[in-house]
Amino acid sequence: MVKVTPNPPAADEPTSRAQSARNKKIDDAATRALDYYLKPKPKGETSDKSDSIFRIDPGVDSECLLANLSENLASANAMISDLAFDLDGSRRRVALGILQVIEVSELLANRALDIVEVR
């Protein structure tokens, strides 16, 4: 039985600098093309409609957004806590339920803020 390839296979022939530069350009072009189709850039925020009064700057980083979310939840926690202790009966239980949801959300936001990657 005859072997088609030598054992061990022959080493690749040396390429010129011009040929290696062309190969690099081709590789770069292929990478850009694949990135264009397989890693599309996210489209604009869908929540930022033109009829909205408040908008969030798209350039704001995740850490800043999470910090503001945490502060807003802390403020909501203080407001509903104050309200809940002024109420009686079923209204108080509803307010305390809202308070619990806000507290859990605040814990989640703070945890996300702890693990966010700083740029």
PDB file of N, CA and C in Angstrom:
ATOM      1  N   MET A   1       0.838  -1.153   0.000  1.00  0.00           N
ATOM      2  CA  MET A   1       0.000   0.000   0.000  1.00  0.00           C
ATOM      3  C   MET A   1       0.899   1.237   0.000  1.00  0.00           C
ATOM      4  N   VAL A   2       0.564   2.173  -0.857  1.00  0.00           N
ATOM      5  CA  VAL A   2       1.377   3.376  -1.021  1.00  0.00           C
ATOM      6  C   VAL A   2       0.743   4.501  -0.233  1.00  0.00           C
ATOM      7  N   LYS A   3       1.588   5.226   0.495  1.00  0.00           N
ATOM      8  CA  LYS A   3       1.125   6.367   1.274  1.00  0.00           C
ATOM      9  C   LYS A   3       1.093   7.607   0.403  1.00  0.00           C
ATOM     10  N   VAL A   4       0.018   8.380   0.484  1.00  0.00           N
ATOM     11  CA  VAL A   4      -0.101   9.576  -0.337  1.00  0.00           C
ATOM     12  C   VAL A   4       0.719  10.720   0.240  1.00  0.00           C
ATOM     13  N   THR A   5       0.735  10.863   1.560  1.00  0.00           N
ATOM     14  CA  THR A   5       1.498  11.941   2.194  1.00  0.00           C
ATOM     15  C   THR A   5       2.752  11.386   2.821  1.00  0.00           C
ATOM     16  N   PRO A   6       3.818  12.175   2.796  1.00  0.00           N
ATOM     17  CA  PRO A   6       5.050  11.684   3.429  1.00  0.00           C
ATOM     18  C   PRO A   6       4.909  11.663   4.944  1.00  0.00           C
ATOM     19  N   ASN A   7       5.758  10.894   5.582  1.00  0.00           N
ATOM     20  CA  ASN A   7       5.731  10.781   7.027  1.00  0.00           C
ATOM     21  C   ASN A   7       7.033  11.310   7.584  1.00  0.00           C
ATOM     22  N   PRO A   8       7.161  12.339   8.287  1.00  0.00           N
ATOM     23  CA  PRO A   8       6.193  13.365   8.621  1.00  0.00           C
ATOM     24  C   PRO A   8       5.916  14.260   7.410  1.00  0.00           C
ATOM     25  N   PRO A   9       4.809  14.991   7.420  1.00  0.00           N
ATOM     26  CA  PRO A   9       4.505  15.850   6.278  1.00  0.00           C
ATOM     27  C   PRO A   9       5.583  16.897   6.073  1.00  0.00           C
ATOM     28  N   ALA A  10       5.772  17.288   4.850  1.00  0.00           N
ATOM     29  CA  ALA A  10       6.788  18.283   4.526  1.00  0.00           C
ATOM     30  C   ALA A  10       6.390  19.629   5.121  1.00  0.00           C
ATOM     31  N   ALA A  11       7.403  20.399   5.527  1.00  0.00           N
ATOM     32  CA  ALA A  11       7.146  21.716   6.109  1.00  0.00           C
ATOM     33  C   ALA A  11       6.637  22.658   5.025  1.00  0.00           C
ATOM     34  N   ASP A  12       5.819  23.618   5.438  1.00  0.00           N
ATOM     35  CA  ASP A  12       5.319  24.604   4.483  1.00  0.00           C
ATOM     36  C   ASP A  12       6.478  25.371   3.878  1.00  0.00           C
ATOM     37  N   GLU A  13       6.309  25.726   2.613  1.00  0.00           N
ATOM     38  CA  GLU A  13       7.350  26.497   1.953  1.00  0.00           C
ATOM     39  C   GLU A  13       7.367  27.897   2.533  1.00  0.00           C
ATOM     40  N   PRO A  14       8.542  28.494   2.647  1.00  0.00           N
ATOM     41  CA  PRO A  14       8.594  29.854   3.197  1.00  0.00           C
ATOM     42  C   PRO A  14       7.892  30.831   2.255  1.00  0.00           C
ATOM     43  N   THR A  15       7.197  31.797   2.844  1.00  0.00           N
ATOM     44  CA  THR A  15       6.484  32.784   2.038  1.00  0.00           C
ATOM     45  C   THR A  15       7.197  34.125   2.143  1.00  0.00           C
ATOM     46  N   SER A  16       7.052  34.914   1.114  1.00  0.00           N
ATOM     47  CA  SER A  16       7.686  36.230   1.114  1.00  0.00           C
ATOM     48  C   SER A  16       6.906  37.173   2.016  1.00  0.00           C
ATOM     49  N   ARG A  17       7.525  38.329   2.318  1.00  0.00           N
ATOM     50  CA  ARG A  17       6.838  39.305   3.155  1.00  0.00           C
ATOM     51  C   ARG A  17       5.606  39.856   2.447  1.00  0.00           C
ATOM     52  N   ALA A  18       5.685  40.019   1.147  1.00  0.00           N
ATOM     53  CA  ALA A  18       4.539  40.520   0.388  1.00  0.00           C
ATOM     54  C   ALA A  18       3.384  39.528   0.450  1.00  0.00           C
ATOM     55  N   GLN A  19       3.704  38.249   0.303  1.00  0.00           N
ATOM     56  CA  GLN A  19       2.663  37.217   0.363  1.00  0.00           C
ATOM     57  C   GLN A  19       2.051  37.149   1.759  1.00  0.00           C
ATOM     58  N   SER A  20       2.866  37.253   2.810  1.00  0.00           N
ATOM     59  CA  SER A  20       2.328  37.195   4.170  1.00  0.00           C
ATOM     60  C   SER A  20       1.489  38.445   4.465  1.00  0.00           C
ATOM     61  N   ALA A  21       1.873  39.614   3.893  1.00  0.00           N
ATOM     62  CA  ALA A  21       1.069  40.825   4.067  1.00  0.00           C
ATOM     63  C   ALA A  21      -0.284  40.664   3.379  1.00  0.00           C
ATOM     64  N   ARG A  22      -0.292  40.064   2.181  1.00  0.00           N
ATOM     65  CA  ARG A  22      -1.560  39.818   1.480  1.00  0.00           C
ATOM     66  C   ARG A  22      -2.437  38.845   2.269  1.00  0.00           C
ATOM     67  N   ASN A  23      -1.808  37.810   2.812  1.00  0.00           N
ATOM     68  CA  ASN A  23      -2.568  36.848   3.621  1.00  0.00           C
ATOM     69  C   ASN A  23      -3.177  37.532   4.850  1.00  0.00           C
ATOM     70  N   LYS A  24      -2.411  38.432   5.486  1.00  0.00           N
ATOM     71  CA  LYS A  24      -2.916  39.145   6.659  1.00  0.00           C
ATOM     72  C   LYS A  24      -4.091  40.040   6.265  1.00  0.00           C
ATOM     73  N   LYS A  25      -3.986  40.719   5.106  1.00  0.00           N
ATOM     74  CA  LYS A  25      -5.093  41.569   4.648  1.00  0.00           C
ATOM     75  C   LYS A  25      -6.349  40.731   4.389  1.00  0.00           C
ATOM     76  N   ILE A  26      -6.159  39.574   3.791  1.00  0.00           N
ATOM     77  CA  ILE A  26      -7.290  38.691   3.519  1.00  0.00           C
ATOM     78  C   ILE A  26      -7.910  38.200   4.826  1.00  0.00           C
ATOM     79  N   ASP A  27      -7.066  37.823   5.786  1.00  0.00           N
ATOM     80  CA  ASP A  27      -7.573  37.389   7.092  1.00  0.00           C
ATOM     81  C   ASP A  27      -8.327  38.515   7.798  1.00  0.00           C
ATOM     82  N   ASP A  28      -7.773  39.733   7.744  1.00  0.00           N
ATOM     83  CA  ASP A  28      -8.449  40.866   8.371  1.00  0.00           C
ATOM     84  C   ASP A  28      -9.795  41.147   7.711  1.00  0.00           C
ATOM     85  N   ALA A  29      -9.833  41.077   6.387  1.00  0.00           N
ATOM     86  CA  ALA A  29     -11.086  41.310   5.667  1.00  0.00           C
ATOM     87  C   ALA A  29     -12.121  40.238   6.019  1.00  0.00           C
ATOM     88  N   ALA A  30     -11.675  38.998   6.107  1.00  0.00           N
ATOM     89  CA  ALA A  30     -12.590  37.914   6.463  1.00  0.00           C
ATOM     90  C   ALA A  30     -13.117  38.101   7.886  1.00  0.00           C
ATOM     91  N   THR A  31     -12.254  38.522   8.803  1.00  0.00           N
ATOM     92  CA  THR A  31     -12.678  38.764  10.184  1.00  0.00           C
ATOM     93  C   THR A  31     -13.695  39.890  10.248  1.00  0.00           C
ATOM     94  N   ARG A  32     -13.454  40.987   9.523  1.00  0.00           N
ATOM     95  CA  ARG A  32     -14.408  42.100   9.500  1.00  0.00           C
ATOM     96  C   ARG A  32     -15.755  41.659   8.923  1.00  0.00           C
ATOM     97  N   ALA A  33     -15.714  40.866   7.867  1.00  0.00           N
ATOM     98  CA  ALA A  33     -16.959  40.401   7.247  1.00  0.00           C
ATOM     99  C   ALA A  33     -17.736  39.501   8.206  1.00  0.00           C
ATOM    100  N   LEU A  34     -17.045  38.599   8.874  1.00  0.00           N
ATOM    101  CA  LEU A  34     -17.719  37.718   9.833  1.00  0.00           C
ATOM    102  C   LEU A  34     -18.266  38.504  11.013  1.00  0.00           C
ATOM    103  N   ASP A  35     -17.488  39.483  11.499  1.00  0.00           N
ATOM    104  CA  ASP A  35     -17.969  40.305  12.602  1.00  0.00           C
ATOM    105  C   ASP A  35     -19.200  41.110  12.194  1.00  0.00           C
ATOM    106  N   TYR A  36     -19.215  41.582  10.952  1.00  0.00           N
ATOM    107  CA  TYR A  36     -20.349  42.368  10.481  1.00  0.00           C
ATOM    108  C   TYR A  36     -21.629  41.539  10.502  1.00  0.00           C
ATOM    109  N   TYR A  37     -21.538  40.291  10.077  1.00  0.00           N
ATOM    110  CA  TYR A  37     -22.740  39.456   9.998  1.00  0.00           C
ATOM    111  C   TYR A  37     -23.040  38.694  11.278  1.00  0.00           C
ATOM    112  N   LEU A  38     -22.009  38.304  12.016  1.00  0.00           N
ATOM    113  CA  LEU A  38     -22.242  37.478  13.194  1.00  0.00           C
ATOM    114  C   LEU A  38     -22.266  38.266  14.492  1.00  0.00           C
ATOM    115  N   LYS A  39     -21.721  39.477  14.499  1.00  0.00           N
ATOM    116  CA  LYS A  39     -21.737  40.315  15.694  1.00  0.00           C
ATOM    117  C   LYS A  39     -22.336  41.673  15.337  1.00  0.00           C
ATOM    118  N   PRO A  40     -23.615  41.709  15.038  1.00  0.00           N
ATOM    119  CA  PRO A  40     -24.198  42.997  14.646  1.00  0.00           C
ATOM    120  C   PRO A  40     -24.197  43.975  15.817  1.00  0.00           C
ATOM    121  N   LYS A  41     -24.041  45.253  15.509  1.00  0.00           N
ATOM    122  CA  LYS A  41     -24.082  46.278  16.540  1.00  0.00           C
ATOM    123  C   LYS A  41     -25.520  46.433  17.004  1.00  0.00           C
ATOM    124  N   PRO A  42     -25.715  46.646  18.314  1.00  0.00           N
ATOM    125  CA  PRO A  42     -27.082  46.794  18.801  1.00  0.00           C
ATOM    126  C   PRO A  42     -27.731  48.026  18.193  1.00  0.00           C
ATOM    127  N   LYS A  43     -29.006  47.885  17.878  1.00  0.00           N
ATOM    128  CA  LYS A  43     -29.745  49.008  17.323  1.00  0.00           C
ATOM    129  C   LYS A  43     -30.060  49.984  18.435  1.00  0.00           C
ATOM    130  N   GLY A  44     -30.572  51.126  18.078  1.00  0.00           N
ATOM    131  CA  GLY A  44     -30.895  52.159  19.062  1.00  0.00           C
ATOM    132  C   GLY A  44     -31.841  51.652  20.128  1.00  0.00           C
ATOM    133  N   GLU A  45     -31.806  52.303  21.245  1.00  0.00           N
ATOM    134  CA  GLU A  45     -32.683  51.943  22.357  1.00  0.00           C
ATOM    135  C   GLU A  45     -34.141  52.044  21.916  1.00  0.00           C
ATOM    136  N   THR A  46     -34.905  51.017  22.186  1.00  0.00           N
ATOM    137  CA  THR A  46     -36.314  51.049  21.810  1.00  0.00           C
ATOM    138  C   THR A  46     -37.135  51.847  22.810  1.00  0.00           C
ATOM    139  N   SER A  47     -36.607  52.033  24.036  1.00  0.00           N
ATOM    140  CA  SER A  47     -37.365  52.753  25.044  1.00  0.00           C
ATOM    141  C   SER A  47     -37.254  54.267  24.872  1.00  0.00           C
ATOM    142  N   ASP A  48     -36.293  54.738  24.079  1.00  0.00           N
ATOM    143  CA  ASP A  48     -36.114  56.168  23.877  1.00  0.00           C
ATOM    144  C   ASP A  48     -36.937  56.626  22.685  1.00  0.00           C
ATOM    145  N   LYS A  49     -38.217  56.815  22.895  1.00  0.00           N
ATOM    146  CA  LYS A  49     -39.105  57.265  21.838  1.00  0.00           C
ATOM    147  C   LYS A  49     -39.090  58.784  21.809  1.00  0.00           C
ATOM    148  N   SER A  50     -39.437  59.330  20.681  1.00  0.00           N
ATOM    149  CA  SER A  50     -39.389  60.778  20.536  1.00  0.00           C
ATOM    150  C   SER A  50     -40.442  61.486  21.389  1.00  0.00           C
ATOM    151  N   ASP A  51     -41.512  60.784  21.792  1.00  0.00           N
ATOM    152  CA  ASP A  51     -42.546  61.421  22.597  1.00  0.00           C
ATOM    153  C   ASP A  51     -42.286  61.296  24.101  1.00  0.00           C
ATOM    154  N   SER A  52     -41.135  60.749  24.467  1.00  0.00           N
ATOM    155  CA  SER A  52     -40.784  60.576  25.870  1.00  0.00           C
ATOM    156  C   SER A  52     -40.165  61.858  26.431  1.00  0.00           C
ATOM    157  N   ILE A  53     -40.529  62.189  27.666  1.00  0.00           N
ATOM    158  CA  ILE A  53     -39.966  63.377  28.304  1.00  0.00           C
ATOM    159  C   ILE A  53     -38.560  63.088  28.809  1.00  0.00           C
ATOM    160  N   PHE A  54     -38.371  61.937  29.413  1.00  0.00           N
ATOM    161  CA  PHE A  54     -37.088  61.585  29.992  1.00  0.00           C
ATOM    162  C   PHE A  54     -36.360  60.607  29.081  1.00  0.00           C
ATOM    163  N   ARG A  55     -35.060  60.827  28.936  1.00  0.00           N
ATOM    164  CA  ARG A  55     -34.231  59.933  28.123  1.00  0.00           C
ATOM    165  C   ARG A  55     -32.933  59.664  28.857  1.00  0.00           C
ATOM    166  N   ILE A  56     -32.342  58.528  28.537  1.00  0.00           N
ATOM    167  CA  ILE A  56     -31.051  58.167  29.118  1.00  0.00           C
ATOM    168  C   ILE A  56     -30.012  58.258  28.021  1.00  0.00           C
ATOM    169  N   ASP A  57     -28.940  58.960  28.311  1.00  0.00           N
ATOM    170  CA  ASP A  57     -27.855  59.123  27.349  1.00  0.00           C
ATOM    171  C   ASP A  57     -27.275  57.748  27.022  1.00  0.00           C
ATOM    172  N   PRO A  58     -27.198  57.383  25.723  1.00  0.00           N
ATOM    173  CA  PRO A  58     -26.670  56.059  25.364  1.00  0.00           C
ATOM    174  C   PRO A  58     -25.202  55.876  25.731  1.00  0.00           C
ATOM    175  N   GLY A  59     -24.491  56.960  26.012  1.00  0.00           N
ATOM    176  CA  GLY A  59     -23.073  56.849  26.357  1.00  0.00           C
ATOM    177  C   GLY A  59     -22.811  56.547  27.821  1.00  0.00           C
ATOM    178  N   VAL A  60     -23.866  56.505  28.640  1.00  0.00           N
ATOM    179  CA  VAL A  60     -23.684  56.254  30.072  1.00  0.00           C
ATOM    180  C   VAL A  60     -23.335  54.787  30.287  1.00  0.00           C
ATOM    181  N   ASP A  61     -22.328  54.534  31.129  1.00  0.00           N
ATOM    182  CA  ASP A  61     -21.895  53.156  31.356  1.00  0.00           C
ATOM    183  C   ASP A  61     -22.788  52.447  32.373  1.00  0.00           C
ATOM    184  N   SER A  62     -22.642  51.136  32.432  1.00  0.00           N
ATOM    185  CA  SER A  62     -23.488  50.286  33.286  1.00  0.00           C
ATOM    186  C   SER A  62     -23.337  50.618  34.761  1.00  0.00           C
ATOM    187  N   GLU A  63     -22.127  50.937  35.183  1.00  0.00           N
ATOM    188  CA  GLU A  63     -21.899  51.224  36.595  1.00  0.00           C
ATOM    189  C   GLU A  63     -22.696  52.455  37.036  1.00  0.00           C
ATOM    190  N   CYS A  64     -22.710  53.476  36.208  1.00  0.00           N
ATOM    191  CA  CYS A  64     -23.458  54.699  36.525  1.00  0.00           C
ATOM    192  C   CYS A  64     -24.968  54.417  36.561  1.00  0.00           C
ATOM    193  N   LEU A  65     -25.443  53.636  35.595  1.00  0.00           N
ATOM    194  CA  LEU A  65     -26.867  53.295  35.567  1.00  0.00           C
ATOM    195  C   LEU A  65     -27.273  52.504  36.808  1.00  0.00           C
ATOM    196  N   LEU A  66     -26.446  51.529  37.187  1.00  0.00           N
ATOM    197  CA  LEU A  66     -26.767  50.719  38.362  1.00  0.00           C
ATOM    198  C   LEU A  66     -26.696  51.542  39.641  1.00  0.00           C
ATOM    199  N   ALA A  67     -25.756  52.466  39.727  1.00  0.00           N
ATOM    200  CA  ALA A  67     -25.649  53.313  40.916  1.00  0.00           C
ATOM    201  C   ALA A  67     -26.894  54.183  41.061  1.00  0.00           C
ATOM    202  N   ASN A  68     -27.349  54.763  39.958  1.00  0.00           N
ATOM    203  CA  ASN A  68     -28.563  55.575  40.009  1.00  0.00           C
ATOM    204  C   ASN A  68     -29.791  54.733  40.325  1.00  0.00           C
ATOM    205  N   LEU A  69     -29.851  53.524  39.772  1.00  0.00           N
ATOM    206  CA  LEU A  69     -30.968  52.624  40.085  1.00  0.00           C
ATOM    207  C   LEU A  69     -30.999  52.302  41.569  1.00  0.00           C
ATOM    208  N   SER A  70     -29.843  52.028  42.128  1.00  0.00           N
ATOM    209  CA  SER A  70     -29.763  51.706  43.550  1.00  0.00           C
ATOM    210  C   SER A  70     -30.221  52.886  44.408  1.00  0.00           C
ATOM    211  N   GLU A  71     -29.809  54.101  44.034  1.00  0.00           N
ATOM    212  CA  GLU A  71     -30.224  55.284  44.789  1.00  0.00           C
ATOM    213  C   GLU A  71     -31.729  55.515  44.668  1.00  0.00           C
ATOM    214  N   ASN A  72     -32.288  55.309  43.475  1.00  0.00           N
ATOM    215  CA  ASN A  72     -33.730  55.477  43.291  1.00  0.00           C
ATOM    216  C   ASN A  72     -34.515  54.464  44.115  1.00  0.00           C
ATOM    217  N   LEU A  73     -34.024  53.227  44.154  1.00  0.00           N
ATOM    218  CA  LEU A  73     -34.699  52.212  44.956  1.00  0.00           C
ATOM    219  C   LEU A  73     -34.614  52.531  46.446  1.00  0.00           C
ATOM    220  N   ALA A  74     -33.487  53.085  46.888  1.00  0.00           N
ATOM    221  CA  ALA A  74     -33.349  53.478  48.295  1.00  0.00           C
ATOM    222  C   ALA A  74     -34.334  54.591  48.636  1.00  0.00           C
ATOM    223  N   SER A  75     -34.524  55.535  47.704  1.00  0.00           N
ATOM    224  CA  SER A  75     -35.492  56.611  47.931  1.00  0.00           C
ATOM    225  C   SER A  75     -36.911  56.062  47.981  1.00  0.00           C
ATOM    226  N   ALA A  76     -37.249  55.157  47.061  1.00  0.00           N
ATOM    227  CA  ALA A  76     -38.580  54.551  47.060  1.00  0.00           C
ATOM    228  C   ALA A  76     -38.798  53.750  48.338  1.00  0.00           C
ATOM    229  N   ASN A  77     -37.757  53.084  48.801  1.00  0.00           N
ATOM    230  CA  ASN A  77     -37.825  52.313  50.045  1.00  0.00           C
ATOM    231  C   ASN A  77     -38.167  53.229  51.210  1.00  0.00           C
ATOM    232  N   ALA A  78     -37.504  54.366  51.293  1.00  0.00           N
ATOM    233  CA  ALA A  78     -37.761  55.303  52.389  1.00  0.00           C
ATOM    234  C   ALA A  78     -39.189  55.857  52.314  1.00  0.00           C
ATOM    235  N   MET A  79     -39.644  56.185  51.108  1.00  0.00           N
ATOM    236  CA  MET A  79     -40.995  56.756  50.966  1.00  0.00           C
ATOM    237  C   MET A  79     -42.078  55.754  51.336  1.00  0.00           C
ATOM    238  N   ILE A  80     -41.978  54.515  50.828  1.00  0.00           N
ATOM    239  CA  ILE A  80     -43.024  53.527  51.096  1.00  0.00           C
ATOM    240  C   ILE A  80     -42.963  53.057  52.549  1.00  0.00           C
ATOM    241  N   SER A  81     -41.762  53.054  53.118  1.00  0.00           N
ATOM    242  CA  SER A  81     -41.608  52.680  54.521  1.00  0.00           C
ATOM    243  C   SER A  81     -42.312  53.698  55.411  1.00  0.00           C
ATOM    244  N   ASP A  82     -42.123  54.970  55.119  1.00  0.00           N
ATOM    245  CA  ASP A  82     -42.781  56.033  55.879  1.00  0.00           C
ATOM    246  C   ASP A  82     -44.294  55.934  55.736  1.00  0.00           C
ATOM    247  N   LEU A  83     -44.759  55.671  54.528  1.00  0.00           N
ATOM    248  CA  LEU A  83     -46.195  55.551  54.273  1.00  0.00           C
ATOM    249  C   LEU A  83     -46.792  54.325  54.970  1.00  0.00           C
ATOM    250  N   ALA A  84     -46.060  53.202  54.905  1.00  0.00           N
ATOM    251  CA  ALA A  84     -46.590  51.945  55.454  1.00  0.00           C
ATOM    252  C   ALA A  84     -46.853  52.047  56.949  1.00  0.00           C
ATOM    253  N   PHE A  85     -46.026  52.774  57.669  1.00  0.00           N
ATOM    254  CA  PHE A  85     -46.201  52.836  59.113  1.00  0.00           C
ATOM    255  C   PHE A  85     -47.258  53.851  59.536  1.00  0.00           C
ATOM    256  N   ASP A  86     -47.783  54.603  58.556  1.00  0.00           N
ATOM    257  CA  ASP A  86     -48.899  55.500  58.838  1.00  0.00           C
ATOM    258  C   ASP A  86     -50.249  54.854  58.514  1.00  0.00           C
ATOM    259  N   LEU A  87     -50.229  53.691  57.882  1.00  0.00           N
ATOM    260  CA  LEU A  87     -51.464  53.021  57.466  1.00  0.00           C
ATOM    261  C   LEU A  87     -51.840  51.919  58.441  1.00  0.00           C
ATOM    262  N   ASP A  88     -53.093  51.466  58.338  1.00  0.00           N
ATOM    263  CA  ASP A  88     -53.581  50.357  59.165  1.00  0.00           C
ATOM    264  C   ASP A  88     -54.264  49.326  58.283  1.00  0.00           C
ATOM    265  N   GLY A  89     -54.354  48.105  58.789  1.00  0.00           N
ATOM    266  CA  GLY A  89     -55.125  47.050  58.136  1.00  0.00           C
ATOM    267  C   GLY A  89     -54.531  46.573  56.822  1.00  0.00           C
ATOM    268  N   SER A  90     -55.431  46.297  55.853  1.00  0.00           N
ATOM    269  CA  SER A  90     -54.991  45.701  54.596  1.00  0.00           C
ATOM    270  C   SER A  90     -54.146  46.665  53.769  1.00  0.00           C
ATOM    271  N   ARG A  91     -54.403  47.969  53.893  1.00  0.00           N
ATOM    272  CA  ARG A  91     -53.592  48.941  53.156  1.00  0.00           C
ATOM    273  C   ARG A  91     -52.138  48.908  53.624  1.00  0.00           C
ATOM    274  N   ARG A  92     -51.966  48.700  54.919  1.00  0.00           N
ATOM    275  CA  ARG A  92     -50.603  48.602  55.453  1.00  0.00           C
ATOM    276  C   ARG A  92     -49.905  47.358  54.902  1.00  0.00           C
ATOM    277  N   ARG A  93     -50.625  46.235  54.822  1.00  0.00           N
ATOM    278  CA  ARG A  93     -50.025  45.007  54.287  1.00  0.00           C
ATOM    279  C   ARG A  93     -49.641  45.177  52.821  1.00  0.00           C
ATOM    280  N   VAL A  94     -50.467  45.887  52.045  1.00  0.00           N
ATOM    281  CA  VAL A  94     -50.136  46.157  50.645  1.00  0.00           C
ATOM    282  C   VAL A  94     -48.865  47.006  50.563  1.00  0.00           C
ATOM    283  N   ALA A  95     -48.795  48.044  51.386  1.00  0.00           N
ATOM    284  CA  ALA A  95     -47.614  48.916  51.383  1.00  0.00           C
ATOM    285  C   ALA A  95     -46.368  48.145  51.816  1.00  0.00           C
ATOM    286  N   LEU A  96     -46.507  47.259  52.797  1.00  0.00           N
ATOM    287  CA  LEU A  96     -45.356  46.464  53.243  1.00  0.00           C
ATOM    288  C   LEU A  96     -44.936  45.462  52.164  1.00  0.00           C
ATOM    289  N   GLY A  97     -45.906  44.943  51.399  1.00  0.00           N
ATOM    290  CA  GLY A  97     -45.567  44.068  50.276  1.00  0.00           C
ATOM    291  C   GLY A  97     -44.778  44.819  49.215  1.00  0.00           C
ATOM    292  N   ILE A  98     -45.209  46.045  48.914  1.00  0.00           N
ATOM    293  CA  ILE A  98     -44.465  46.881  47.962  1.00  0.00           C
ATOM    294  C   ILE A  98     -43.081  47.175  48.508  1.00  0.00           C
ATOM    295  N   LEU A  99     -42.994  47.458  49.797  1.00  0.00           N
ATOM    296  CA  LEU A  99     -41.706  47.709  50.442  1.00  0.00           C
ATOM    297  C   LEU A  99     -40.771  46.518  50.288  1.00  0.00           C
ATOM    298  N   GLN A 100     -41.300  45.310  50.454  1.00  0.00           N
ATOM    299  CA  GLN A 100     -40.466  44.116  50.324  1.00  0.00           C
ATOM    300  C   GLN A 100     -39.957  43.954  48.894  1.00  0.00           C
ATOM    301  N   VAL A 101     -40.803  44.200  47.898  1.00  0.00           N
ATOM    302  CA  VAL A 101     -40.367  44.111  46.493  1.00  0.00           C
ATOM    303  C   VAL A 101     -39.269  45.122  46.217  1.00  0.00           C
ATOM    304  N   ILE A 102     -39.425  46.332  46.741  1.00  0.00           N
ATOM    305  CA  ILE A 102     -38.401  47.373  46.542  1.00  0.00           C
ATOM    306  C   ILE A 102     -37.097  46.969  47.216  1.00  0.00           C
ATOM    307  N   GLU A 103     -37.168  46.405  48.425  1.00  0.00           N
ATOM    308  CA  GLU A 103     -35.950  46.007  49.131  1.00  0.00           C
ATOM    309  C   GLU A 103     -35.209  44.895  48.390  1.00  0.00           C
ATOM    310  N   VAL A 104     -35.955  43.916  47.873  1.00  0.00           N
ATOM    311  CA  VAL A 104     -35.324  42.835  47.115  1.00  0.00           C
ATOM    312  C   VAL A 104     -34.691  43.391  45.836  1.00  0.00           C
ATOM    313  N   SER A 105     -35.396  44.297  45.178  1.00  0.00           N
ATOM    314  CA  SER A 105     -34.852  44.917  43.967  1.00  0.00           C
ATOM    315  C   SER A 105     -33.593  45.714  44.283  1.00  0.00           C
ATOM    316  N   GLU A 106     -33.593  46.387  45.415  1.00  0.00           N
ATOM    317  CA  GLU A 106     -32.405  47.140  45.830  1.00  0.00           C
ATOM    318  C   GLU A 106     -31.221  46.204  46.090  1.00  0.00           C
ATOM    319  N   LEU A 107     -31.488  45.069  46.717  1.00  0.00           N
ATOM    320  CA  LEU A 107     -30.421  44.086  46.946  1.00  0.00           C
ATOM    321  C   LEU A 107     -29.858  43.578  45.620  1.00  0.00           C
ATOM    322  N   LEU A 108     -30.741  43.294  44.671  1.00  0.00           N
ATOM    323  CA  LEU A 108     -30.289  42.826  43.357  1.00  0.00           C
ATOM    324  C   LEU A 108     -29.464  43.886  42.646  1.00  0.00           C
ATOM    325  N   ALA A 109     -29.902  45.136  42.698  1.00  0.00           N
ATOM    326  CA  ALA A 109     -29.164  46.217  42.046  1.00  0.00           C
ATOM    327  C   ALA A 109     -27.797  46.410  42.695  1.00  0.00           C
ATOM    328  N   ASN A 110     -27.744  46.342  44.015  1.00  0.00           N
ATOM    329  CA  ASN A 110     -26.458  46.495  44.703  1.00  0.00           C
ATOM    330  C   ASN A 110     -25.515  45.355  44.383  1.00  0.00           C
ATOM    331  N   ARG A 111     -26.046  44.148  44.280  1.00  0.00           N
ATOM    332  CA  ARG A 111     -25.197  42.993  43.917  1.00  0.00           C
ATOM    333  C   ARG A 111     -24.676  43.145  42.502  1.00  0.00           C
ATOM    334  N   ALA A 112     -25.530  43.576  41.577  1.00  0.00           N
ATOM    335  CA  ALA A 112     -25.088  43.805  40.194  1.00  0.00           C
ATOM    336  C   ALA A 112     -24.034  44.905  40.157  1.00  0.00           C
ATOM    337  N   LEU A 113     -24.177  45.914  41.000  1.00  0.00           N
ATOM    338  CA  LEU A 113     -23.197  46.999  41.051  1.00  0.00           C
ATOM    339  C   LEU A 113     -21.866  46.494  41.587  1.00  0.00           C
ATOM    340  N   ASP A 114     -21.906  45.528  42.508  1.00  0.00           N
ATOM    341  CA  ASP A 114     -20.675  44.954  43.044  1.00  0.00           C
ATOM    342  C   ASP A 114     -19.889  44.164  42.001  1.00  0.00           C
ATOM    343  N   ILE A 115     -20.591  43.511  41.085  1.00  0.00           N
ATOM    344  CA  ILE A 115     -19.893  42.641  40.132  1.00  0.00           C
ATOM    345  C   ILE A 115     -19.728  43.248  38.751  1.00  0.00           C
ATOM    346  N   VAL A 116     -20.193  44.497  38.544  1.00  0.00           N
ATOM    347  CA  VAL A 116     -20.077  45.113  37.229  1.00  0.00           C
ATOM    348  C   VAL A 116     -18.604  45.343  36.902  1.00  0.00           C
ATOM    349  N   GLU A 117     -18.255  45.165  35.633  1.00  0.00           N
ATOM    350  CA  GLU A 117     -16.876  45.378  35.188  1.00  0.00           C
ATOM    351  C   GLU A 117     -16.637  46.857  35.011  1.00  0.00           C
ATOM    352  N   VAL A 118     -15.628  47.369  35.678  1.00  0.00           N
ATOM    353  CA  VAL A 118     -15.273  48.766  35.532  1.00  0.00           C
ATOM    354  C   VAL A 118     -14.395  48.901  34.300  1.00  0.00           C
ATOM    355  N   ARG A 119     -14.734  49.864  33.435  1.00  0.00           N
ATOM    356  CA  ARG A 119     -13.958  50.041  32.198  1.00  0.00           C
ATOM    357  C   ARG A 119     -12.690  50.800  32.428  1.00  0.00           C
TER     358      ARG A 119
END
